Amino acid sequence: MVDRLRNQVEKEARDLRVLRAVIEAGPIGIVKLSDRTDIPEHKVRYSLRMLEDDELVEPTPNGAVPADDIEQRLATMNEGLDDLIERLEDLKETF
């Protein structure tokens, strides 16, 4: 169970590295994102797809750009992370 959770957190961390690079340098393509983040291109492609599904980035002919309301989306995401941390701490106390 912990390994599965750890793997998922690592994937989410990778997605957030890609998102940060898009926010800082967008529009930006897969090759430049890979160079900038040291993440293999196939994983960058996957992360971009996940970020698009979450409506955090948008594809353009010139590369990925952050969503227009990215600041609001990040604030909501941070609130969700705070809730998850609290839930994990409660779960840890159960055992």
PDB file of N, CA and C in Angstrom:
ATOM      1  N   MET A   1       0.819  -1.189   0.000  1.00  0.00           N
ATOM      2  CA  MET A   1       0.000   0.000   0.000  1.00  0.00           C
ATOM      3  C   MET A   1       0.868   1.261   0.000  1.00  0.00           C
ATOM      4  N   VAL A   2       1.870   1.293   0.839  1.00  0.00           N
ATOM      5  CA  VAL A   2       2.725   2.472   0.922  1.00  0.00           C
ATOM      6  C   VAL A   2       3.510   2.661  -0.374  1.00  0.00           C
ATOM      7  N   ASP A   3       3.974   1.571  -0.972  1.00  0.00           N
ATOM      8  CA  ASP A   3       4.708   1.674  -2.238  1.00  0.00           C
ATOM      9  C   ASP A   3       3.822   2.256  -3.336  1.00  0.00           C
ATOM     10  N   ARG A   4       2.576   1.817  -3.379  1.00  0.00           N
ATOM     11  CA  ARG A   4       1.636   2.328  -4.376  1.00  0.00           C
ATOM     12  C   ARG A   4       1.417   3.829  -4.184  1.00  0.00           C
ATOM     13  N   LEU A   5       1.245   4.244  -2.947  1.00  0.00           N
ATOM     14  CA  LEU A   5       1.055   5.658  -2.636  1.00  0.00           C
ATOM     15  C   LEU A   5       2.316   6.456  -2.974  1.00  0.00           C
ATOM     16  N   ARG A   6       3.481   5.901  -2.643  1.00  0.00           N
ATOM     17  CA  ARG A   6       4.744   6.567  -2.942  1.00  0.00           C
ATOM     18  C   ARG A   6       4.895   6.772  -4.448  1.00  0.00           C
ATOM     19  N   ASN A   7       4.580   5.749  -5.228  1.00  0.00           N
ATOM     20  CA  ASN A   7       4.670   5.856  -6.690  1.00  0.00           C
ATOM     21  C   ASN A   7       3.741   6.938  -7.223  1.00  0.00           C
ATOM     22  N   GLN A   8       2.537   6.992  -6.687  1.00  0.00           N
ATOM     23  CA  GLN A   8       1.585   8.006  -7.139  1.00  0.00           C
ATOM     24  C   GLN A   8       2.075   9.409  -6.786  1.00  0.00           C
ATOM     25  N   VAL A   9       2.626   9.569  -5.606  1.00  0.00           N
ATOM     26  CA  VAL A   9       3.145  10.880  -5.192  1.00  0.00           C
ATOM     27  C   VAL A   9       4.312  11.285  -6.095  1.00  0.00           C
ATOM     28  N   GLU A  10       5.160  10.330  -6.469  1.00  0.00           N
ATOM     29  CA  GLU A  10       6.269  10.635  -7.372  1.00  0.00           C
ATOM     30  C   GLU A  10       5.768  11.080  -8.745  1.00  0.00           C
ATOM     31  N   LYS A  11       4.716  10.440  -9.250  1.00  0.00           N
ATOM     32  CA  LYS A  11       4.132  10.852 -10.531  1.00  0.00           C
ATOM     33  C   LYS A  11       3.559  12.265 -10.427  1.00  0.00           C
ATOM     34  N   GLU A  12       2.875  12.543  -9.334  1.00  0.00           N
ATOM     35  CA  GLU A  12       2.294  13.878  -9.156  1.00  0.00           C
ATOM     36  C   GLU A  12       3.403  14.929  -9.024  1.00  0.00           C
ATOM     37  N   ALA A  13       4.483  14.588  -8.351  1.00  0.00           N
ATOM     38  CA  ALA A  13       5.610  15.514  -8.218  1.00  0.00           C
ATOM     39  C   ALA A  13       6.212  15.822  -9.584  1.00  0.00           C
ATOM     40  N   ARG A  14       6.323  14.794 -10.425  1.00  0.00           N
ATOM     41  CA  ARG A  14       6.822  14.998 -11.791  1.00  0.00           C
ATOM     42  C   ARG A  14       5.883  15.928 -12.563  1.00  0.00           C
ATOM     43  N   ASP A  15       4.585  15.691 -12.456  1.00  0.00           N
ATOM     44  CA  ASP A  15       3.622  16.555 -13.134  1.00  0.00           C
ATOM     45  C   ASP A  15       3.774  18.004 -12.672  1.00  0.00           C
ATOM     46  N   LEU A  16       3.997  18.190 -11.386  1.00  0.00           N
ATOM     47  CA  LEU A  16       4.140  19.554 -10.865  1.00  0.00           C
ATOM     48  C   LEU A  16       5.439  20.216 -11.330  1.00  0.00           C
ATOM     49  N   ARG A  17       6.497  19.427 -11.502  1.00  0.00           N
ATOM     50  CA  ARG A  17       7.744  19.979 -12.077  1.00  0.00           C
ATOM     51  C   ARG A  17       7.499  20.466 -13.493  1.00  0.00           C
ATOM     52  N   VAL A  18       6.754  19.673 -14.262  1.00  0.00           N
ATOM     53  CA  VAL A  18       6.428  20.068 -15.634  1.00  0.00           C
ATOM     54  C   VAL A  18       5.542  21.309 -15.606  1.00  0.00           C
ATOM     55  N   LEU A  19       4.554  21.338 -14.735  1.00  0.00           N
ATOM     56  CA  LEU A  19       3.673  22.507 -14.633  1.00  0.00           C
ATOM     57  C   LEU A  19       4.465  23.759 -14.294  1.00  0.00           C
ATOM     58  N   ARG A  20       5.375  23.663 -13.346  1.00  0.00           N
ATOM     59  CA  ARG A  20       6.190  24.826 -12.969  1.00  0.00           C
ATOM     60  C   ARG A  20       6.974  25.345 -14.169  1.00  0.00           C
ATOM     61  N   ALA A  21       7.540  24.435 -14.942  1.00  0.00           N
ATOM     62  CA  ALA A  21       8.304  24.843 -16.127  1.00  0.00           C
ATOM     63  C   ALA A  21       7.400  25.509 -17.160  1.00  0.00           C
ATOM     64  N   VAL A  22       6.188  25.001 -17.325  1.00  0.00           N
ATOM     65  CA  VAL A  22       5.244  25.621 -18.263  1.00  0.00           C
ATOM     66  C   VAL A  22       4.887  27.024 -17.783  1.00  0.00           C
ATOM     67  N   ILE A  23       4.644  27.175 -16.499  1.00  0.00           N
ATOM     68  CA  ILE A  23       4.306  28.497 -15.952  1.00  0.00           C
ATOM     69  C   ILE A  23       5.472  29.461 -16.156  1.00  0.00           C
ATOM     70  N   GLU A  24       6.686  29.005 -15.924  1.00  0.00           N
ATOM     71  CA  GLU A  24       7.858  29.871 -16.014  1.00  0.00           C
ATOM     72  C   GLU A  24       8.268  30.184 -17.452  1.00  0.00           C
ATOM     73  N   ALA A  25       8.053  29.237 -18.387  1.00  0.00           N
ATOM     74  CA  ALA A  25       8.639  29.392 -19.718  1.00  0.00           C
ATOM     75  C   ALA A  25       7.646  29.247 -20.869  1.00  0.00           C
ATOM     76  N   GLY A  26       6.364  29.041 -20.560  1.00  0.00           N
ATOM     77  CA  GLY A  26       5.395  28.797 -21.632  1.00  0.00           C
ATOM     78  C   GLY A  26       5.246  29.960 -22.573  1.00  0.00           C
ATOM     79  N   PRO A  27       4.937  29.717 -23.831  1.00  0.00           N
ATOM     80  CA  PRO A  27       4.715  28.397 -24.406  1.00  0.00           C
ATOM     81  C   PRO A  27       6.034  27.625 -24.557  1.00  0.00           C
ATOM     82  N   ILE A  28       5.918  26.334 -24.279  1.00  0.00           N
ATOM     83  CA  ILE A  28       7.103  25.491 -24.308  1.00  0.00           C
ATOM     84  C   ILE A  28       6.713  24.087 -24.781  1.00  0.00           C
ATOM     85  N   GLY A  29       7.565  23.512 -25.616  1.00  0.00           N
ATOM     86  CA  GLY A  29       7.308  22.195 -26.175  1.00  0.00           C
ATOM     87  C   GLY A  29       7.918  21.078 -25.353  1.00  0.00           C
ATOM     88  N   ILE A  30       7.642  19.867 -25.775  1.00  0.00           N
ATOM     89  CA  ILE A  30       8.060  18.672 -25.045  1.00  0.00           C
ATOM     90  C   ILE A  30       9.578  18.564 -24.944  1.00  0.00           C
ATOM     91  N   VAL A  31      10.290  18.804 -26.030  1.00  0.00           N
ATOM     92  CA  VAL A  31      11.752  18.661 -26.013  1.00  0.00           C
ATOM     93  C   VAL A  31      12.373  19.660 -25.037  1.00  0.00           C
ATOM     94  N   LYS A  32      11.932  20.905 -25.098  1.00  0.00           N
ATOM     95  CA  LYS A  32      12.477  21.918 -24.176  1.00  0.00           C
ATOM     96  C   LYS A  32      12.080  21.625 -22.736  1.00  0.00           C
ATOM     97  N   LEU A  33      10.858  21.137 -22.527  1.00  0.00           N
ATOM     98  CA  LEU A  33      10.451  20.756 -21.173  1.00  0.00           C
ATOM     99  C   LEU A  33      11.319  19.629 -20.643  1.00  0.00           C
ATOM    100  N   SER A  34      11.609  18.668 -21.481  1.00  0.00           N
ATOM    101  CA  SER A  34      12.459  17.552 -21.089  1.00  0.00           C
ATOM    102  C   SER A  34      13.856  18.053 -20.708  1.00  0.00           C
ATOM    103  N   ASP A  35      14.414  18.933 -21.532  1.00  0.00           N
ATOM    104  CA  ASP A  35      15.735  19.499 -21.236  1.00  0.00           C
ATOM    105  C   ASP A  35      15.719  20.302 -19.943  1.00  0.00           C
ATOM    106  N   ARG A  36      14.680  21.093 -19.768  1.00  0.00           N
ATOM    107  CA  ARG A  36      14.593  21.993 -18.618  1.00  0.00           C
ATOM    108  C   ARG A  36      14.378  21.236 -17.303  1.00  0.00           C
ATOM    109  N   THR A  37      13.637  20.131 -17.360  1.00  0.00           N
ATOM    110  CA  THR A  37      13.285  19.405 -16.136  1.00  0.00           C
ATOM    111  C   THR A  37      14.091  18.127 -15.913  1.00  0.00           C
ATOM    112  N   ASP A  38      14.874  17.720 -16.909  1.00  0.00           N
ATOM    113  CA  ASP A  38      15.607  16.449 -16.849  1.00  0.00           C
ATOM    114  C   ASP A  38      14.662  15.246 -16.697  1.00  0.00           C
ATOM    115  N   ILE A  39      13.499  15.368 -17.302  1.00  0.00           N
ATOM    116  CA  ILE A  39      12.520  14.280 -17.325  1.00  0.00           C
ATOM    117  C   ILE A  39      12.479  13.764 -18.765  1.00  0.00           C
ATOM    118  N   PRO A  40      12.516  12.451 -18.969  1.00  0.00           N
ATOM    119  CA  PRO A  40      12.468  11.915 -20.336  1.00  0.00           C
ATOM    120  C   PRO A  40      11.228  12.410 -21.097  1.00  0.00           C
ATOM    121  N   GLU A  41      11.389  12.571 -22.405  1.00  0.00           N
ATOM    122  CA  GLU A  41      10.312  13.122 -23.233  1.00  0.00           C
ATOM    123  C   GLU A  41       9.012  12.348 -23.102  1.00  0.00           C
ATOM    124  N   HIS A  42       9.065  11.021 -23.065  1.00  0.00           N
ATOM    125  CA  HIS A  42       7.818  10.249 -22.982  1.00  0.00           C
ATOM    126  C   HIS A  42       7.082  10.508 -21.666  1.00  0.00           C
ATOM    127  N   LYS A  43       7.831  10.774 -20.600  1.00  0.00           N
ATOM    128  CA  LYS A  43       7.191  11.094 -19.320  1.00  0.00           C
ATOM    129  C   LYS A  43       6.671  12.524 -19.304  1.00  0.00           C
ATOM    130  N   VAL A  44       7.373  13.433 -19.974  1.00  0.00           N
ATOM    131  CA  VAL A  44       6.882  14.804 -20.114  1.00  0.00           C
ATOM    132  C   VAL A  44       5.558  14.791 -20.878  1.00  0.00           C
ATOM    133  N   ARG A  45       5.509  14.020 -21.955  1.00  0.00           N
ATOM    134  CA  ARG A  45       4.287  13.910 -22.760  1.00  0.00           C
ATOM    135  C   ARG A  45       3.126  13.421 -21.895  1.00  0.00           C
ATOM    136  N   TYR A  46       3.386  12.394 -21.091  1.00  0.00           N
ATOM    137  CA  TYR A  46       2.356  11.862 -20.206  1.00  0.00           C
ATOM    138  C   TYR A  46       1.919  12.911 -19.184  1.00  0.00           C
ATOM    139  N   SER A  47       2.886  13.597 -18.580  1.00  0.00           N
ATOM    140  CA  SER A  47       2.556  14.631 -17.595  1.00  0.00           C
ATOM    141  C   SER A  47       1.730  15.744 -18.220  1.00  0.00           C
ATOM    142  N   LEU A  48       2.097  16.155 -19.413  1.00  0.00           N
ATOM    143  CA  LEU A  48       1.310  17.192 -20.091  1.00  0.00           C
ATOM    144  C   LEU A  48      -0.124  16.729 -20.325  1.00  0.00           C
ATOM    145  N   ARG A  49      -0.282  15.477 -20.698  1.00  0.00           N
ATOM    146  CA  ARG A  49      -1.628  14.946 -20.922  1.00  0.00           C
ATOM    147  C   ARG A  49      -2.430  14.985 -19.612  1.00  0.00           C
ATOM    148  N   MET A  50      -1.801  14.619 -18.503  1.00  0.00           N
ATOM    149  CA  MET A  50      -2.488  14.661 -17.213  1.00  0.00           C
ATOM    150  C   MET A  50      -2.823  16.102 -16.823  1.00  0.00           C
ATOM    151  N   LEU A  51      -1.890  17.016 -17.054  1.00  0.00           N
ATOM    152  CA  LEU A  51      -2.117  18.426 -16.725  1.00  0.00           C
ATOM    153  C   LEU A  51      -3.213  19.034 -17.603  1.00  0.00           C
ATOM    154  N   GLU A  52      -3.276  18.610 -18.849  1.00  0.00           N
ATOM    155  CA  GLU A  52      -4.360  19.054 -19.734  1.00  0.00           C
ATOM    156  C   GLU A  52      -5.691  18.508 -19.238  1.00  0.00           C
ATOM    157  N   ASP A  53      -5.720  17.234 -18.854  1.00  0.00           N
ATOM    158  CA  ASP A  53      -6.953  16.634 -18.327  1.00  0.00           C
ATOM    159  C   ASP A  53      -7.433  17.371 -17.078  1.00  0.00           C
ATOM    160  N   ASP A  54      -6.493  17.843 -16.274  1.00  0.00           N
ATOM    161  CA  ASP A  54      -6.827  18.593 -15.059  1.00  0.00           C
ATOM    162  C   ASP A  54      -7.067  20.085 -15.338  1.00  0.00           C
ATOM    163  N   GLU A  55      -6.987  20.450 -16.609  1.00  0.00           N
ATOM    164  CA  GLU A  55      -7.204  21.834 -17.069  1.00  0.00           C
ATOM    165  C   GLU A  55      -6.241  22.832 -16.423  1.00  0.00           C
ATOM    166  N   LEU A  56      -4.991  22.381 -16.211  1.00  0.00           N
ATOM    167  CA  LEU A  56      -3.955  23.248 -15.663  1.00  0.00           C
ATOM    168  C   LEU A  56      -3.084  23.845 -16.762  1.00  0.00           C
ATOM    169  N   VAL A  57      -2.977  23.155 -17.890  1.00  0.00           N
ATOM    170  CA  VAL A  57      -2.246  23.677 -19.047  1.00  0.00           C
ATOM    171  C   VAL A  57      -3.111  23.507 -20.290  1.00  0.00           C
ATOM    172  N   GLU A  58      -2.778  24.287 -21.286  1.00  0.00           N
ATOM    173  CA  GLU A  58      -3.473  24.212 -22.561  1.00  0.00           C
ATOM    174  C   GLU A  58      -2.439  24.060 -23.673  1.00  0.00           C
ATOM    175  N   PRO A  59      -2.716  23.188 -24.641  1.00  0.00           N
ATOM    176  CA  PRO A  59      -1.800  23.052 -25.772  1.00  0.00           C
ATOM    177  C   PRO A  59      -2.018  24.184 -26.764  1.00  0.00           C
ATOM    178  N   THR A  60      -0.946  24.650 -27.365  1.00  0.00           N
ATOM    179  CA  THR A  60      -1.021  25.635 -28.443  1.00  0.00           C
ATOM    180  C   THR A  60      -0.061  25.165 -29.535  1.00  0.00           C
ATOM    181  N   PRO A  61      -0.142  25.750 -30.721  1.00  0.00           N
ATOM    182  CA  PRO A  61       0.810  25.383 -31.777  1.00  0.00           C
ATOM    183  C   PRO A  61       2.262  25.653 -31.383  1.00  0.00           C
ATOM    184  N   ASN A  62       2.481  26.574 -30.437  1.00  0.00           N
ATOM    185  CA  ASN A  62       3.839  26.920 -30.000  1.00  0.00           C
ATOM    186  C   ASN A  62       4.292  26.168 -28.752  1.00  0.00           C
ATOM    187  N   GLY A  63       3.439  25.311 -28.217  1.00  0.00           N
ATOM    188  CA  GLY A  63       3.768  24.568 -27.008  1.00  0.00           C
ATOM    189  C   GLY A  63       2.732  24.795 -25.925  1.00  0.00           C
ATOM    190  N   ALA A  64       2.959  24.159 -24.790  1.00  0.00           N
ATOM    191  CA  ALA A  64       2.022  24.243 -23.671  1.00  0.00           C
ATOM    192  C   ALA A  64       2.103  25.606 -22.991  1.00  0.00           C
ATOM    193  N   VAL A  65       0.935  26.089 -22.554  1.00  0.00           N
ATOM    194  CA  VAL A  65       0.839  27.327 -21.772  1.00  0.00           C
ATOM    195  C   VAL A  65      -0.018  27.032 -20.549  1.00  0.00           C
ATOM    196  N   PRO A  66       0.189  27.794 -19.462  1.00  0.00           N
ATOM    197  CA  PRO A  66      -0.659  27.586 -18.284  1.00  0.00           C
ATOM    198  C   PRO A  66      -2.088  28.037 -18.575  1.00  0.00           C
ATOM    199  N   ALA A  67      -3.043  27.450 -17.869  1.00  0.00           N
ATOM    200  CA  ALA A  67      -4.443  27.855 -17.987  1.00  0.00           C
ATOM    201  C   ALA A  67      -4.570  29.322 -17.579  1.00  0.00           C
ATOM    202  N   ASP A  68      -5.552  29.994 -18.153  1.00  0.00           N
ATOM    203  CA  ASP A  68      -5.753  31.410 -17.854  1.00  0.00           C
ATOM    204  C   ASP A  68      -5.941  31.673 -16.363  1.00  0.00           C
ATOM    205  N   ASP A  69      -6.625  30.777 -15.677  1.00  0.00           N
ATOM    206  CA  ASP A  69      -6.910  30.954 -14.251  1.00  0.00           C
ATOM    207  C   ASP A  69      -5.985  30.103 -13.374  1.00  0.00           C
ATOM    208  N   ILE A  70      -4.736  29.971 -13.782  1.00  0.00           N
ATOM    209  CA  ILE A  70      -3.804  29.071 -13.101  1.00  0.00           C
ATOM    210  C   ILE A  70      -3.609  29.426 -11.627  1.00  0.00           C
ATOM    211  N   GLU A  71      -3.580  30.708 -11.295  1.00  0.00           N
ATOM    212  CA  GLU A  71      -3.372  31.097  -9.886  1.00  0.00           C
ATOM    213  C   GLU A  71      -4.493  30.561  -9.006  1.00  0.00           C
ATOM    214  N   GLN A  72      -5.722  30.684  -9.466  1.00  0.00           N
ATOM    215  CA  GLN A  72      -6.864  30.184  -8.709  1.00  0.00           C
ATOM    216  C   GLN A  72      -6.813  28.663  -8.611  1.00  0.00           C
ATOM    217  N   ARG A  73      -6.469  28.011  -9.706  1.00  0.00           N
ATOM    218  CA  ARG A  73      -6.383  26.546  -9.713  1.00  0.00           C
ATOM    219  C   ARG A  73      -5.290  26.057  -8.758  1.00  0.00           C
ATOM    220  N   LEU A  74      -4.161  26.774  -8.708  1.00  0.00           N
ATOM    221  CA  LEU A  74      -3.082  26.392  -7.792  1.00  0.00           C
ATOM    222  C   LEU A  74      -3.506  26.568  -6.339  1.00  0.00           C
ATOM    223  N   ALA A  75      -4.238  27.623  -6.047  1.00  0.00           N
ATOM    224  CA  ALA A  75      -4.726  27.838  -4.686  1.00  0.00           C
ATOM    225  C   ALA A  75      -5.660  26.708  -4.268  1.00  0.00           C
ATOM    226  N   THR A  76      -6.543  26.313  -5.160  1.00  0.00           N
ATOM    227  CA  THR A  76      -7.462  25.202  -4.878  1.00  0.00           C
ATOM    228  C   THR A  76      -6.681  23.909  -4.673  1.00  0.00           C
ATOM    229  N   MET A  77      -5.676  23.699  -5.513  1.00  0.00           N
ATOM    230  CA  MET A  77      -4.850  22.498  -5.402  1.00  0.00           C
ATOM    231  C   MET A  77      -4.116  22.467  -4.060  1.00  0.00           C
ATOM    232  N   ASN A  78      -3.591  23.607  -3.631  1.00  0.00           N
ATOM    233  CA  ASN A  78      -2.886  23.662  -2.345  1.00  0.00           C
ATOM    234  C   ASN A  78      -3.819  23.364  -1.180  1.00  0.00           C
ATOM    235  N   GLU A  79      -5.064  23.833  -1.252  1.00  0.00           N
ATOM    236  CA  GLU A  79      -6.038  23.510  -0.215  1.00  0.00           C
ATOM    237  C   GLU A  79      -6.284  22.003  -0.177  1.00  0.00           C
ATOM    238  N   GLY A  80      -6.391  21.397  -1.348  1.00  0.00           N
ATOM    239  CA  GLY A  80      -6.587  19.956  -1.418  1.00  0.00           C
ATOM    240  C   GLY A  80      -5.410  19.189  -0.852  1.00  0.00           C
ATOM    241  N   LEU A  81      -4.197  19.675  -1.107  1.00  0.00           N
ATOM    242  CA  LEU A  81      -3.008  19.027  -0.556  1.00  0.00           C
ATOM    243  C   LEU A  81      -2.985  19.130   0.968  1.00  0.00           C
ATOM    244  N   ASP A  82      -3.377  20.284   1.495  1.00  0.00           N
ATOM    245  CA  ASP A  82      -3.446  20.430   2.955  1.00  0.00           C
ATOM    246  C   ASP A  82      -4.420  19.419   3.546  1.00  0.00           C
ATOM    247  N   ASP A  83      -5.555  19.219   2.886  1.00  0.00           N
ATOM    248  CA  ASP A  83      -6.542  18.252   3.354  1.00  0.00           C
ATOM    249  C   ASP A  83      -5.971  16.830   3.311  1.00  0.00           C
ATOM    250  N   LEU A  84      -5.261  16.494   2.227  1.00  0.00           N
ATOM    251  CA  LEU A  84      -4.659  15.166   2.121  1.00  0.00           C
ATOM    252  C   LEU A  84      -3.622  14.923   3.216  1.00  0.00           C
ATOM    253  N   ILE A  85      -2.817  15.921   3.495  1.00  0.00           N
ATOM    254  CA  ILE A  85      -1.807  15.793   4.550  1.00  0.00           C
ATOM    255  C   ILE A  85      -2.486  15.510   5.886  1.00  0.00           C
ATOM    256  N   GLU A  86      -3.543  16.230   6.157  1.00  0.00           N
ATOM    257  CA  GLU A  86      -4.280  16.024   7.404  1.00  0.00           C
ATOM    258  C   GLU A  86      -4.869  14.611   7.463  1.00  0.00           C
ATOM    259  N   ARG A  87      -5.427  14.162   6.361  1.00  0.00           N
ATOM    260  CA  ARG A  87      -6.011  12.817   6.322  1.00  0.00           C
ATOM    261  C   ARG A  87      -4.939  11.744   6.509  1.00  0.00           C
ATOM    262  N   LEU A  88      -3.762  11.944   5.908  1.00  0.00           N
ATOM    263  CA  LEU A  88      -2.676  10.979   6.078  1.00  0.00           C
ATOM    264  C   LEU A  88      -2.181  10.951   7.523  1.00  0.00           C
ATOM    265  N   GLU A  89      -2.102  12.117   8.151  1.00  0.00           N
ATOM    266  CA  GLU A  89      -1.689  12.163   9.554  1.00  0.00           C
ATOM    267  C   GLU A  89      -2.700  11.437  10.436  1.00  0.00           C
ATOM    268  N   ASP A  90      -3.998  11.600  10.140  1.00  0.00           N
ATOM    269  CA  ASP A  90      -5.031  10.890  10.889  1.00  0.00           C
ATOM    270  C   ASP A  90      -4.908   9.382  10.674  1.00  0.00           C
ATOM    271  N   LEU A  91      -4.637   8.982   9.437  1.00  0.00           N
ATOM    272  CA  LEU A  91      -4.487   7.562   9.126  1.00  0.00           C
ATOM    273  C   LEU A  91      -3.291   6.970   9.868  1.00  0.00           C
ATOM    274  N   LYS A  92      -2.214   7.730   9.924  1.00  0.00           N
ATOM    275  CA  LYS A  92      -1.006   7.255  10.610  1.00  0.00           C
ATOM    276  C   LYS A  92      -1.292   7.040  12.106  1.00  0.00           C
ATOM    277  N   GLU A  93      -2.081   7.925  12.706  1.00  0.00           N
ATOM    278  CA  GLU A  93      -2.395   7.804  14.119  1.00  0.00           C
ATOM    279  C   GLU A  93      -3.279   6.595  14.401  1.00  0.00           C
ATOM    280  N   THR A  94      -3.997   6.124  13.401  1.00  0.00           N
ATOM    281  CA  THR A  94      -4.875   4.967  13.564  1.00  0.00           C
ATOM    282  C   THR A  94      -4.075   3.720  13.911  1.00  0.00           C
ATOM    283  N   PHE A  95      -2.862   3.630  13.383  1.00  0.00           N
ATOM    284  CA  PHE A  95      -2.032   2.464  13.625  1.00  0.00           C
ATOM    285  C   PHE A  95      -1.014   2.797  14.666  1.00  0.00           C
TER     286      PHE A  95
END
